[in-house]
Amino acid sequence: MADVKIWWQSTKDYVNELKAEMRRVTWPNRKQVESTTAVVIVSVFAFAGYFAVVDKILAVGVTKLLGYFAK
């Protein structure tokens, strides 16, 4: 029974500390969220394009290299 009381009290303390911490959080406004989302989306497409080009170059290079040695 003592374990249940300890568990209940620690859970209650955790929830109270969580509430207190959430009151201290500063949330971004809509403009900040939109701008950072745009940066992330543009970055993802830029990296995808970069890796597509690198992959194509490496694929062509490996194909030519294997074709050279297969002769």
PDB file of N, CA and C in Angstrom:
ATOM      1  N   MET A   1       0.814  -1.194   0.000  1.00  0.00           N
ATOM      2  CA  MET A   1       0.000   0.000   0.000  1.00  0.00           C
ATOM      3  C   MET A   1       0.863   1.265   0.000  1.00  0.00           C
ATOM      4  N   ALA A   2       2.002   1.186   0.666  1.00  0.00           N
ATOM      5  CA  ALA A   2       2.901   2.337   0.727  1.00  0.00           C
ATOM      6  C   ALA A   2       3.450   2.665  -0.667  1.00  0.00           C
ATOM      7  N   ASP A   3       3.683   1.601  -1.463  1.00  0.00           N
ATOM      8  CA  ASP A   3       4.187   1.824  -2.815  1.00  0.00           C
ATOM      9  C   ASP A   3       3.180   2.590  -3.665  1.00  0.00           C
ATOM     10  N   VAL A   4       1.910   2.308  -3.461  1.00  0.00           N
ATOM     11  CA  VAL A   4       0.871   3.005  -4.221  1.00  0.00           C
ATOM     12  C   VAL A   4       0.834   4.474  -3.827  1.00  0.00           C
ATOM     13  N   LYS A   5       0.977   4.763  -2.531  1.00  0.00           N
ATOM     14  CA  LYS A   5       0.986   6.161  -2.085  1.00  0.00           C
ATOM     15  C   LYS A   5       2.193   6.901  -2.646  1.00  0.00           C
ATOM     16  N   ILE A   6       3.340   6.235  -2.635  1.00  0.00           N
ATOM     17  CA  ILE A   6       4.552   6.867  -3.166  1.00  0.00           C
ATOM     18  C   ILE A   6       4.383   7.120  -4.664  1.00  0.00           C
ATOM     19  N   TRP A   7       3.870   6.116  -5.393  1.00  0.00           N
ATOM     20  CA  TRP A   7       3.655   6.277  -6.826  1.00  0.00           C
ATOM     21  C   TRP A   7       2.662   7.401  -7.108  1.00  0.00           C
ATOM     22  N   TRP A   8       1.580   7.431  -6.350  1.00  0.00           N
ATOM     23  CA  TRP A   8       0.564   8.459  -6.557  1.00  0.00           C
ATOM     24  C   TRP A   8       1.137   9.851  -6.302  1.00  0.00           C
ATOM     25  N   GLN A   9       1.906   9.994  -5.235  1.00  0.00           N
ATOM     26  CA  GLN A   9       2.490  11.299  -4.894  1.00  0.00           C
ATOM     27  C   GLN A   9       3.521  11.723  -5.946  1.00  0.00           C
ATOM     28  N   SER A  10       4.346  10.780  -6.403  1.00  0.00           N
ATOM     29  CA  SER A  10       5.355  11.142  -7.411  1.00  0.00           C
ATOM     30  C   SER A  10       4.693  11.500  -8.741  1.00  0.00           C
ATOM     31  N   THR A  11       3.604  10.818  -9.076  1.00  0.00           N
ATOM     32  CA  THR A  11       2.868  11.156 -10.296  1.00  0.00           C
ATOM     33  C   THR A  11       2.234  12.534 -10.181  1.00  0.00           C
ATOM     34  N   LYS A  12       1.671  12.809  -9.024  1.00  0.00           N
ATOM     35  CA  LYS A  12       1.061  14.118  -8.778  1.00  0.00           C
ATOM     36  C   LYS A  12       2.114  15.226  -8.843  1.00  0.00           C
ATOM     37  N   ASP A  13       3.286  14.993  -8.258  1.00  0.00           N
ATOM     38  CA  ASP A  13       4.374  15.976  -8.310  1.00  0.00           C
ATOM     39  C   ASP A  13       4.827  16.205  -9.752  1.00  0.00           C
ATOM     40  N   TYR A  14       4.918  15.117 -10.509  1.00  0.00           N
ATOM     41  CA  TYR A  14       5.344  15.228 -11.899  1.00  0.00           C
ATOM     42  C   TYR A  14       4.365  16.082 -12.706  1.00  0.00           C
ATOM     43  N   VAL A  15       3.078  15.830 -12.539  1.00  0.00           N
ATOM     44  CA  VAL A  15       2.066  16.586 -13.270  1.00  0.00           C
ATOM     45  C   VAL A  15       2.105  18.058 -12.869  1.00  0.00           C
ATOM     46  N   ASN A  16       2.267  18.348 -11.599  1.00  0.00           N
ATOM     47  CA  ASN A  16       2.348  19.744 -11.144  1.00  0.00           C
ATOM     48  C   ASN A  16       3.579  20.440 -11.707  1.00  0.00           C
ATOM     49  N   GLU A  17       4.720  19.740 -11.734  1.00  0.00           N
ATOM     50  CA  GLU A  17       5.932  20.316 -12.305  1.00  0.00           C
ATOM     51  C   GLU A  17       5.778  20.510 -13.810  1.00  0.00           C
ATOM     52  N   LEU A  18       5.097  19.592 -14.451  1.00  0.00           N
ATOM     53  CA  LEU A  18       4.850  19.716 -15.879  1.00  0.00           C
ATOM     54  C   LEU A  18       3.992  20.942 -16.186  1.00  0.00           C
ATOM     55  N   LYS A  19       2.957  21.146 -15.412  1.00  0.00           N
ATOM     56  CA  LYS A  19       2.104  22.322 -15.595  1.00  0.00           C
ATOM     57  C   LYS A  19       2.904  23.606 -15.399  1.00  0.00           C
ATOM     58  N   ALA A  20       3.739  23.626 -14.349  1.00  0.00           N
ATOM     59  CA  ALA A  20       4.544  24.821 -14.081  1.00  0.00           C
ATOM     60  C   ALA A  20       5.513  25.086 -15.235  1.00  0.00           C
ATOM     61  N   GLU A  21       6.114  24.041 -15.763  1.00  0.00           N
ATOM     62  CA  GLU A  21       7.061  24.201 -16.866  1.00  0.00           C
ATOM     63  C   GLU A  21       6.350  24.681 -18.130  1.00  0.00           C
ATOM     64  N   MET A  22       5.168  24.178 -18.392  1.00  0.00           N
ATOM     65  CA  MET A  22       4.429  24.584 -19.588  1.00  0.00           C
ATOM     66  C   MET A  22       3.995  26.044 -19.511  1.00  0.00           C
ATOM     67  N   ARG A  23       3.810  26.568 -18.305  1.00  0.00           N
ATOM     68  CA  ARG A  23       3.482  27.999 -18.157  1.00  0.00           C
ATOM     69  C   ARG A  23       4.678  28.877 -18.504  1.00  0.00           C
ATOM     70  N   ARG A  24       5.900  28.343 -18.340  1.00  0.00           N
ATOM     71  CA  ARG A  24       7.114  29.115 -18.617  1.00  0.00           C
ATOM     72  C   ARG A  24       7.523  29.066 -20.086  1.00  0.00           C
ATOM     73  N   VAL A  25       6.937  28.181 -20.852  1.00  0.00           N
ATOM     74  CA  VAL A  25       7.315  28.024 -22.256  1.00  0.00           C
ATOM     75  C   VAL A  25       6.863  29.243 -23.044  1.00  0.00           C
ATOM     76  N   THR A  26       7.746  29.724 -23.915  1.00  0.00           N
ATOM     77  CA  THR A  26       7.362  30.804 -24.827  1.00  0.00           C
ATOM     78  C   THR A  26       7.092  30.175 -26.185  1.00  0.00           C
ATOM     79  N   TRP A  27       5.862  30.282 -26.639  1.00  0.00           N
ATOM     80  CA  TRP A  27       5.455  29.667 -27.886  1.00  0.00           C
ATOM     81  C   TRP A  27       5.669  30.642 -29.028  1.00  0.00           C
ATOM     82  N   PRO A  28       6.103  30.148 -30.186  1.00  0.00           N
ATOM     83  CA  PRO A  28       6.287  31.050 -31.330  1.00  0.00           C
ATOM     84  C   PRO A  28       4.936  31.521 -31.870  1.00  0.00           C
ATOM     85  N   ASN A  29       4.955  32.711 -32.447  1.00  0.00           N
ATOM     86  CA  ASN A  29       3.713  33.196 -33.050  1.00  0.00           C
ATOM     87  C   ASN A  29       3.553  32.609 -34.456  1.00  0.00           C
ATOM     88  N   ARG A  30       2.438  32.869 -35.084  1.00  0.00           N
ATOM     89  CA  ARG A  30       2.121  32.265 -36.385  1.00  0.00           C
ATOM     90  C   ARG A  30       3.144  32.639 -37.455  1.00  0.00           C
ATOM     91  N   LYS A  31       3.592  33.895 -37.448  1.00  0.00           N
ATOM     92  CA  LYS A  31       4.549  34.345 -38.449  1.00  0.00           C
ATOM     93  C   LYS A  31       5.875  33.587 -38.320  1.00  0.00           C
ATOM     94  N   GLN A  32       6.331  33.384 -37.096  1.00  0.00           N
ATOM     95  CA  GLN A  32       7.572  32.642 -36.877  1.00  0.00           C
ATOM     96  C   GLN A  32       7.437  31.192 -37.342  1.00  0.00           C
ATOM     97  N   VAL A  33       6.301  30.579 -37.052  1.00  0.00           N
ATOM     98  CA  VAL A  33       6.083  29.192 -37.464  1.00  0.00           C
ATOM     99  C   VAL A  33       6.051  29.091 -38.987  1.00  0.00           C
ATOM    100  N   GLU A  34       5.375  30.014 -39.637  1.00  0.00           N
ATOM    101  CA  GLU A  34       5.301  29.995 -41.095  1.00  0.00           C
ATOM    102  C   GLU A  34       6.676  30.178 -41.727  1.00  0.00           C
ATOM    103  N   SER A  35       7.460  31.102 -41.192  1.00  0.00           N
ATOM    104  CA  SER A  35       8.769  31.365 -41.793  1.00  0.00           C
ATOM    105  C   SER A  35       9.724  30.188 -41.578  1.00  0.00           C
ATOM    106  N   THR A  36       9.731  29.611 -40.401  1.00  0.00           N
ATOM    107  CA  THR A  36      10.626  28.471 -40.171  1.00  0.00           C
ATOM    108  C   THR A  36      10.162  27.248 -40.957  1.00  0.00           C
ATOM    109  N   THR A  37       8.861  27.087 -41.129  1.00  0.00           N
ATOM    110  CA  THR A  37       8.354  25.985 -41.944  1.00  0.00           C
ATOM    111  C   THR A  37       8.784  26.162 -43.389  1.00  0.00           C
ATOM    112  N   ALA A  38       8.714  27.378 -43.892  1.00  0.00           N
ATOM    113  CA  ALA A  38       9.150  27.647 -45.265  1.00  0.00           C
ATOM    114  C   ALA A  38      10.635  27.340 -45.434  1.00  0.00           C
ATOM    115  N   VAL A  39      11.441  27.715 -44.459  1.00  0.00           N
ATOM    116  CA  VAL A  39      12.876  27.431 -44.522  1.00  0.00           C
ATOM    117  C   VAL A  39      13.120  25.924 -44.554  1.00  0.00           C
ATOM    118  N   VAL A  40      12.408  25.193 -43.748  1.00  0.00           N
ATOM    119  CA  VAL A  40      12.573  23.735 -43.712  1.00  0.00           C
ATOM    120  C   VAL A  40      12.170  23.111 -45.041  1.00  0.00           C
ATOM    121  N   ILE A  41      11.048  23.533 -45.599  1.00  0.00           N
ATOM    122  CA  ILE A  41      10.584  22.964 -46.865  1.00  0.00           C
ATOM    123  C   ILE A  41      11.567  23.271 -47.990  1.00  0.00           C
ATOM    124  N   VAL A  42      12.030  24.512 -48.072  1.00  0.00           N
ATOM    125  CA  VAL A  42      12.999  24.878 -49.105  1.00  0.00           C
ATOM    126  C   VAL A  42      14.295  24.090 -48.921  1.00  0.00           C
ATOM    127  N   SER A  43      14.748  23.945 -47.695  1.00  0.00           N
ATOM    128  CA  SER A  43      15.970  23.187 -47.422  1.00  0.00           C
ATOM    129  C   SER A  43      15.833  21.726 -47.824  1.00  0.00           C
ATOM    130  N   VAL A  44      14.705  21.132 -47.538  1.00  0.00           N
ATOM    131  CA  VAL A  44      14.481  19.735 -47.903  1.00  0.00           C
ATOM    132  C   VAL A  44      14.546  19.564 -49.417  1.00  0.00           C
ATOM    133  N   PHE A  45      13.881  20.438 -50.160  1.00  0.00           N
ATOM    134  CA  PHE A  45      13.920  20.330 -51.617  1.00  0.00           C
ATOM    135  C   PHE A  45      15.323  20.608 -52.162  1.00  0.00           C
ATOM    136  N   ALA A  46      16.052  21.553 -51.577  1.00  0.00           N
ATOM    137  CA  ALA A  46      17.412  21.846 -52.028  1.00  0.00           C
ATOM    138  C   ALA A  46      18.323  20.639 -51.804  1.00  0.00           C
ATOM    139  N   PHE A  47      18.249  20.035 -50.633  1.00  0.00           N
ATOM    140  CA  PHE A  47      19.070  18.855 -50.360  1.00  0.00           C
ATOM    141  C   PHE A  47      18.651  17.675 -51.234  1.00  0.00           C
ATOM    142  N   ALA A  48      17.364  17.521 -51.478  1.00  0.00           N
ATOM    143  CA  ALA A  48      16.896  16.439 -52.350  1.00  0.00           C
ATOM    144  C   ALA A  48      17.452  16.619 -53.757  1.00  0.00           C
ATOM    145  N   GLY A  49      17.429  17.844 -54.263  1.00  0.00           N
ATOM    146  CA  GLY A  49      17.999  18.118 -55.581  1.00  0.00           C
ATOM    147  C   GLY A  49      19.489  17.854 -55.612  1.00  0.00           C
ATOM    148  N   TYR A  50      20.187  18.306 -54.596  1.00  0.00           N
ATOM    149  CA  TYR A  50      21.633  18.086 -54.512  1.00  0.00           C
ATOM    150  C   TYR A  50      21.958  16.601 -54.513  1.00  0.00           C
ATOM    151  N   PHE A  51      21.273  15.837 -53.683  1.00  0.00           N
ATOM    152  CA  PHE A  51      21.554  14.408 -53.601  1.00  0.00           C
ATOM    153  C   PHE A  51      21.143  13.679 -54.877  1.00  0.00           C
ATOM    154  N   ALA A  52      20.107  14.153 -55.566  1.00  0.00           N
ATOM    155  CA  ALA A  52      19.717  13.547 -56.844  1.00  0.00           C
ATOM    156  C   ALA A  52      20.821  13.748 -57.879  1.00  0.00           C
ATOM    157  N   VAL A  53      21.383  14.956 -57.924  1.00  0.00           N
ATOM    158  CA  VAL A  53      22.466  15.235 -58.873  1.00  0.00           C
ATOM    159  C   VAL A  53      23.700  14.406 -58.541  1.00  0.00           C
ATOM    160  N   VAL A  54      24.075  14.363 -57.287  1.00  0.00           N
ATOM    161  CA  VAL A  54      25.241  13.576 -56.875  1.00  0.00           C
ATOM    162  C   VAL A  54      25.022  12.095 -57.173  1.00  0.00           C
ATOM    163  N   ASP A  55      23.826  11.599 -56.888  1.00  0.00           N
ATOM    164  CA  ASP A  55      23.515  10.199 -57.160  1.00  0.00           C
ATOM    165  C   ASP A  55      23.615   9.898 -58.646  1.00  0.00           C
ATOM    166  N   LYS A  56      23.102  10.788 -59.483  1.00  0.00           N
ATOM    167  CA  LYS A  56      23.158  10.589 -60.931  1.00  0.00           C
ATOM    168  C   LYS A  56      24.601  10.580 -61.416  1.00  0.00           C
ATOM    169  N   ILE A  57      25.405  11.512 -60.930  1.00  0.00           N
ATOM    170  CA  ILE A  57      26.820  11.573 -61.322  1.00  0.00           C
ATOM    171  C   ILE A  57      27.547  10.298 -60.908  1.00  0.00           C
ATOM    172  N   LEU A  58      27.322   9.856 -59.690  1.00  0.00           N
ATOM    173  CA  LEU A  58      27.983   8.637 -59.221  1.00  0.00           C
ATOM    174  C   LEU A  58      27.501   7.411 -59.988  1.00  0.00           C
ATOM    175  N   ALA A  59      26.220   7.352 -60.303  1.00  0.00           N
ATOM    176  CA  ALA A  59      25.683   6.210 -61.051  1.00  0.00           C
ATOM    177  C   ALA A  59      26.299   6.143 -62.451  1.00  0.00           C
ATOM    178  N   VAL A  60      26.377   7.285 -63.117  1.00  0.00           N
ATOM    179  CA  VAL A  60      26.987   7.316 -64.451  1.00  0.00           C
ATOM    180  C   VAL A  60      28.461   6.944 -64.360  1.00  0.00           C
ATOM    181  N   GLY A  61      29.156   7.464 -63.368  1.00  0.00           N
ATOM    182  CA  GLY A  61      30.576   7.160 -63.192  1.00  0.00           C
ATOM    183  C   GLY A  61      30.827   5.689 -62.928  1.00  0.00           C
ATOM    184  N   VAL A  62      30.044   5.098 -62.060  1.00  0.00           N
ATOM    185  CA  VAL A  62      30.216   3.673 -61.745  1.00  0.00           C
ATOM    186  C   VAL A  62      29.868   2.826 -62.960  1.00  0.00           C
ATOM    187  N   THR A  63      28.824   3.193 -63.692  1.00  0.00           N
ATOM    188  CA  THR A  63      28.444   2.446 -64.891  1.00  0.00           C
ATOM    189  C   THR A  63      29.553   2.483 -65.932  1.00  0.00           C
ATOM    190  N   LYS A  64      30.130   3.669 -66.144  1.00  0.00           N
ATOM    191  CA  LYS A  64      31.230   3.787 -67.103  1.00  0.00           C
ATOM    192  C   LYS A  64      32.459   3.015 -66.636  1.00  0.00           C
ATOM    193  N   LEU A  65      32.722   3.081 -65.335  1.00  0.00           N
ATOM    194  CA  LEU A  65      33.886   2.364 -64.787  1.00  0.00           C
ATOM    195  C   LEU A  65      33.708   0.855 -64.954  1.00  0.00           C
ATOM    196  N   LEU A  66      32.526   0.342 -64.644  1.00  0.00           N
ATOM    197  CA  LEU A  66      32.272  -1.085 -64.812  1.00  0.00           C
ATOM    198  C   LEU A  66      32.271  -1.486 -66.277  1.00  0.00           C
ATOM    199  N   GLY A  67      31.764  -0.602 -67.142  1.00  0.00           N
ATOM    200  CA  GLY A  67      31.789  -0.866 -68.579  1.00  0.00           C
ATOM    201  C   GLY A  67      33.217  -0.903 -69.120  1.00  0.00           C
ATOM    202  N   TYR A  68      34.070  -0.068 -68.583  1.00  0.00           N
ATOM    203  CA  TYR A  68      35.485  -0.050 -69.009  1.00  0.00           C
ATOM    204  C   TYR A  68      36.171  -1.356 -68.645  1.00  0.00           C
ATOM    205  N   PHE A  69      35.944  -1.852 -67.441  1.00  0.00           N
ATOM    206  CA  PHE A  69      36.596  -3.073 -66.995  1.00  0.00           C
ATOM    207  C   PHE A  69      35.932  -4.339 -67.547  1.00  0.00           C
ATOM    208  N   ALA A  70      34.711  -4.226 -68.051  1.00  0.00           N
ATOM    209  CA  ALA A  70      34.018  -5.401 -68.586  1.00  0.00           C
ATOM    210  C   ALA A  70      34.484  -5.714 -70.010  1.00  0.00           C
ATOM    211  N   LYS A  71      35.170  -4.796 -70.667  1.00  0.00           N
ATOM    212  CA  LYS A  71      35.622  -5.011 -72.044  1.00  0.00           C
ATOM    213  C   LYS A  71      36.714  -6.031 -72.114  1.00  0.00           C
TER     214      LYS A  71
END
